[in-house]
Amino acid sequence: MKNLKDAILEKLKVDDINLNEFPTSENLENVIKFLKKEGFKECQIIDGGVIYTFNENKGKVFLLSNYKHDRIWFADTSKEKISKDNPVFFLIKEGSMKMEWKYFGEDYATISSNKHKVIDLINKKFGWQ
C-alpha cells in the first residue's frame, strides 16, 4: 500500500507548480529580469504592429520601447493567438517612477489599468503566485 506522501505526489503535477510572483516594484529592469528567468524572449516589433509580432513569434515574448516613455509588452502565444482570452500585458513607466498597468486583447481595448488587478491577472494567467 502506498503511503499518503507518495499518493499525493503521484496526483500532483510538480511541473505545474510555480512559486514565483510577478514583481510589483515600479522598476522595469526587475520586470525584464523576471520575464527572462521565466523563459520569455525579447524580440523586435515587426511591420504589422505589436499583436502581429506576438502572433508571428509563437511563444513567450516581450517587447521593449523607449519612445517617450519606457514601455514593455509581454504575452504567451505558444498555444493560441492574441485574443480577449489571451491578452497582451502592457506596462509603461512614466518619468516619476509611476507605472501604468494595462492589458488588452486583439482590439487594443484597455480592460484595466488598476495595478493590483492587473498583477493578479498576470499571476493567474501565467501560473505565478
C-alpha atoms as a PDB file:
ATOM      1  CA  MET A   1       0.000   0.000   0.000  1.00  0.00           C
ATOM      2  CA  LYS A   2       1.282   3.450  -0.916  1.00  0.00           C
ATOM      3  CA  ASN A   3       1.886   5.937   1.821  1.00  0.00           C
ATOM      4  CA  LEU A   4      -0.002   9.225   1.800  1.00  0.00           C
ATOM      5  CA  LYS A   5       3.002  11.240   0.576  1.00  0.00           C
ATOM      6  CA  ASP A   6       3.515   9.029  -2.486  1.00  0.00           C
ATOM      7  CA  ALA A   7      -0.181   9.101  -3.323  1.00  0.00           C
ATOM      8  CA  ILE A   8      -0.278  12.899  -3.171  1.00  0.00           C
ATOM      9  CA  LEU A   9       2.907  13.323  -5.209  1.00  0.00           C
ATOM     10  CA  GLU A  10       1.575  10.943  -7.831  1.00  0.00           C
ATOM     11  CA  LYS A  11      -1.534  13.094  -8.313  1.00  0.00           C
ATOM     12  CA  LEU A  12       0.312  16.392  -8.122  1.00  0.00           C
ATOM     13  CA  LYS A  13       1.867  17.769 -11.296  1.00  0.00           C
ATOM     14  CA  VAL A  14       5.133  19.101  -9.910  1.00  0.00           C
ATOM     15  CA  ASP A  15       5.996  20.814 -13.211  1.00  0.00           C
ATOM     16  CA  ASP A  16       2.873  22.989 -12.908  1.00  0.00           C
ATOM     17  CA  ILE A  17       3.912  24.436  -9.554  1.00  0.00           C
ATOM     18  CA  ASN A  18       5.483  27.870  -9.771  1.00  0.00           C
ATOM     19  CA  LEU A  19       6.014  29.795  -6.578  1.00  0.00           C
ATOM     20  CA  ASN A  20       7.369  32.873  -8.340  1.00  0.00           C
ATOM     21  CA  GLU A  21       5.337  36.044  -8.335  1.00  0.00           C
ATOM     22  CA  PHE A  22       5.340  38.869 -10.851  1.00  0.00           C
ATOM     23  CA  PRO A  23       7.339  41.814  -9.432  1.00  0.00           C
ATOM     24  CA  THR A  24       5.228  44.625  -8.054  1.00  0.00           C
ATOM     25  CA  SER A  25       8.042  47.164  -7.893  1.00  0.00           C
ATOM     26  CA  GLU A  26       7.930  50.023 -10.366  1.00  0.00           C
ATOM     27  CA  ASN A  27      11.252  49.057 -11.900  1.00  0.00           C
ATOM     28  CA  LEU A  28      11.197  47.790 -15.485  1.00  0.00           C
ATOM     29  CA  GLU A  29      14.649  46.233 -15.071  1.00  0.00           C
ATOM     30  CA  ASN A  30      13.218  43.888 -12.406  1.00  0.00           C
ATOM     31  CA  VAL A  31      10.307  43.013 -14.699  1.00  0.00           C
ATOM     32  CA  ILE A  32      12.702  42.219 -17.576  1.00  0.00           C
ATOM     33  CA  LYS A  33      14.914  40.030 -15.346  1.00  0.00           C
ATOM     34  CA  PHE A  34      11.838  38.191 -14.066  1.00  0.00           C
ATOM     35  CA  LEU A  35      10.442  37.585 -17.561  1.00  0.00           C
ATOM     36  CA  LYS A  36      13.790  36.271 -18.835  1.00  0.00           C
ATOM     37  CA  LYS A  37      14.027  33.931 -15.836  1.00  0.00           C
ATOM     38  CA  GLU A  38      10.547  32.658 -16.691  1.00  0.00           C
ATOM     39  CA  GLY A  39      11.562  31.819 -20.269  1.00  0.00           C
ATOM     40  CA  PHE A  40      10.391  34.923 -22.119  1.00  0.00           C
ATOM     41  CA  LYS A  41      12.493  36.005 -25.103  1.00  0.00           C
ATOM     42  CA  GLU A  42      12.986  39.584 -26.237  1.00  0.00           C
ATOM     43  CA  CYS A  43      12.065  40.386 -29.820  1.00  0.00           C
ATOM     44  CA  GLN A  44      11.720  43.431 -32.041  1.00  0.00           C
ATOM     45  CA  ILE A  45       8.446  44.872 -33.304  1.00  0.00           C
ATOM     46  CA  ILE A  46       7.947  43.857 -36.912  1.00  0.00           C
ATOM     47  CA  ASP A  47       5.787  45.542 -39.541  1.00  0.00           C
ATOM     48  CA  GLY A  48       2.196  44.919 -38.626  1.00  0.00           C
ATOM     49  CA  GLY A  49       2.395  46.095 -35.030  1.00  0.00           C
ATOM     50  CA  VAL A  50       2.567  44.654 -31.539  1.00  0.00           C
ATOM     51  CA  ILE A  51      -0.132  41.993 -31.779  1.00  0.00           C
ATOM     52  CA  TYR A  52       1.116  40.826 -35.185  1.00  0.00           C
ATOM     53  CA  THR A  53       4.615  40.478 -33.698  1.00  0.00           C
ATOM     54  CA  PHE A  54       3.360  38.296 -30.836  1.00  0.00           C
ATOM     55  CA  ASN A  55       1.266  36.099 -33.125  1.00  0.00           C
ATOM     56  CA  GLU A  56       4.177  35.613 -35.544  1.00  0.00           C
ATOM     57  CA  ASN A  57       6.694  34.722 -32.799  1.00  0.00           C
ATOM     58  CA  LYS A  58       4.507  31.990 -31.251  1.00  0.00           C
ATOM     59  CA  GLY A  59       5.925  31.761 -27.769  1.00  0.00           C
ATOM     60  CA  LYS A  60       6.702  33.634 -24.570  1.00  0.00           C
ATOM     61  CA  VAL A  61       7.838  37.003 -25.871  1.00  0.00           C
ATOM     62  CA  PHE A  62       8.393  40.534 -24.610  1.00  0.00           C
ATOM     63  CA  LEU A  63       8.960  43.777 -26.479  1.00  0.00           C
ATOM     64  CA  LEU A  64      10.684  46.925 -25.243  1.00  0.00           C
ATOM     65  CA  SER A  65      10.293  50.521 -26.374  1.00  0.00           C
ATOM     66  CA  ASN A  66      11.947  53.690 -25.168  1.00  0.00           C
ATOM     67  CA  TYR A  67       9.891  56.054 -27.292  1.00  0.00           C
ATOM     68  CA  LYS A  68       8.824  58.921 -24.979  1.00  0.00           C
ATOM     69  CA  HIS A  69       8.482  56.522 -22.042  1.00  0.00           C
ATOM     70  CA  ASP A  70       9.911  53.184 -21.047  1.00  0.00           C
ATOM     71  CA  ARG A  71       7.418  50.547 -22.157  1.00  0.00           C
ATOM     72  CA  ILE A  72       7.198  46.782 -22.110  1.00  0.00           C
ATOM     73  CA  TRP A  73       4.667  44.445 -23.678  1.00  0.00           C
ATOM     74  CA  PHE A  74       4.562  40.711 -22.990  1.00  0.00           C
ATOM     75  CA  ALA A  75       2.379  37.735 -23.857  1.00  0.00           C
ATOM     76  CA  ASP A  76       2.482  33.993 -24.441  1.00  0.00           C
ATOM     77  CA  THR A  77       1.271  32.892 -27.863  1.00  0.00           C
ATOM     78  CA  SER A  78       2.757  29.395 -27.750  1.00  0.00           C
ATOM     79  CA  LYS A  79      -0.736  27.830 -27.588  1.00  0.00           C
ATOM     80  CA  GLU A  80      -3.045  30.483 -29.025  1.00  0.00           C
ATOM     81  CA  LYS A  81      -3.040  33.841 -30.782  1.00  0.00           C
ATOM     82  CA  ILE A  82      -3.769  37.131 -29.033  1.00  0.00           C
ATOM     83  CA  SER A  83      -7.439  37.454 -28.198  1.00  0.00           C
ATOM     84  CA  LYS A  84      -9.701  38.598 -25.390  1.00  0.00           C
ATOM     85  CA  ASP A  85      -8.825  35.353 -23.582  1.00  0.00           C
ATOM     86  CA  ASN A  86      -5.093  35.595 -24.358  1.00  0.00           C
ATOM     87  CA  PRO A  87      -4.234  39.283 -23.961  1.00  0.00           C
ATOM     88  CA  VAL A  88      -1.053  41.293 -24.275  1.00  0.00           C
ATOM     89  CA  PHE A  89       0.057  42.854 -20.988  1.00  0.00           C
ATOM     90  CA  PHE A  90       1.423  46.383 -21.243  1.00  0.00           C
ATOM     91  CA  LEU A  91       3.379  48.402 -18.708  1.00  0.00           C
ATOM     92  CA  ILE A  92       4.545  51.973 -19.087  1.00  0.00           C
ATOM     93  CA  LYS A  93       6.866  53.738 -16.692  1.00  0.00           C
ATOM     94  CA  GLU A  94       6.472  57.482 -16.615  1.00  0.00           C
ATOM     95  CA  GLY A  95       9.173  59.899 -15.514  1.00  0.00           C
ATOM     96  CA  SER A  96       8.207  59.856 -11.844  1.00  0.00           C
ATOM     97  CA  MET A  97       8.639  56.069 -11.458  1.00  0.00           C
ATOM     98  CA  LYS A  98       4.895  55.747 -11.759  1.00  0.00           C
ATOM     99  CA  MET A  99       3.625  52.763 -13.710  1.00  0.00           C
ATOM    100  CA  GLU A 100       0.539  52.311 -15.747  1.00  0.00           C
ATOM    101  CA  TRP A 101      -0.580  48.681 -15.865  1.00  0.00           C
ATOM    102  CA  LYS A 102      -2.883  47.564 -18.657  1.00  0.00           C
ATOM    103  CA  TYR A 103      -3.817  44.562 -20.667  1.00  0.00           C
ATOM    104  CA  PHE A 104      -5.675  44.303 -23.921  1.00  0.00           C
ATOM    105  CA  GLY A 105      -6.921  41.800 -26.445  1.00  0.00           C
ATOM    106  CA  GLU A 106      -6.994  41.796 -30.189  1.00  0.00           C
ATOM    107  CA  ASP A 107      -8.851  45.121 -30.452  1.00  0.00           C
ATOM    108  CA  TYR A 108      -6.329  47.017 -28.265  1.00  0.00           C
ATOM    109  CA  ALA A 109      -9.127  47.937 -25.862  1.00  0.00           C
ATOM    110  CA  THR A 110      -7.840  48.658 -22.382  1.00  0.00           C
ATOM    111  CA  ILE A 111      -9.588  46.327 -19.989  1.00  0.00           C
ATOM    112  CA  SER A 112      -7.980  47.550 -16.780  1.00  0.00           C
ATOM    113  CA  SER A 113      -5.279  49.923 -15.622  1.00  0.00           C
ATOM    114  CA  ASN A 114      -5.624  49.130 -11.913  1.00  0.00           C
ATOM    115  CA  LYS A 115      -2.131  47.936 -10.905  1.00  0.00           C
ATOM    116  CA  HIS A 116      -3.245  45.377  -8.325  1.00  0.00           C
ATOM    117  CA  LYS A 117      -5.994  43.942 -10.521  1.00  0.00           C
ATOM    118  CA  VAL A 118      -3.617  43.591 -13.478  1.00  0.00           C
ATOM    119  CA  ILE A 119      -0.873  41.980 -11.362  1.00  0.00           C
ATOM    120  CA  ASP A 120      -3.428  39.473 -10.049  1.00  0.00           C
ATOM    121  CA  LEU A 121      -4.472  38.735 -13.647  1.00  0.00           C
ATOM    122  CA  ILE A 122      -0.823  38.347 -14.722  1.00  0.00           C
ATOM    123  CA  ASN A 123      -0.074  35.927 -11.872  1.00  0.00           C
ATOM    124  CA  LYS A 124      -3.170  33.847 -12.662  1.00  0.00           C
ATOM    125  CA  LYS A 125      -2.607  33.868 -16.437  1.00  0.00           C
ATOM    126  CA  PHE A 126       0.989  32.621 -16.186  1.00  0.00           C
ATOM    127  CA  GLY A 127       0.594  30.443 -13.067  1.00  0.00           C
ATOM    128  CA  TRP A 128       2.752  32.665 -10.858  1.00  0.00           C
ATOM    129  CA  GLN A 129       1.865  33.044  -7.177  1.00  0.00           C
END
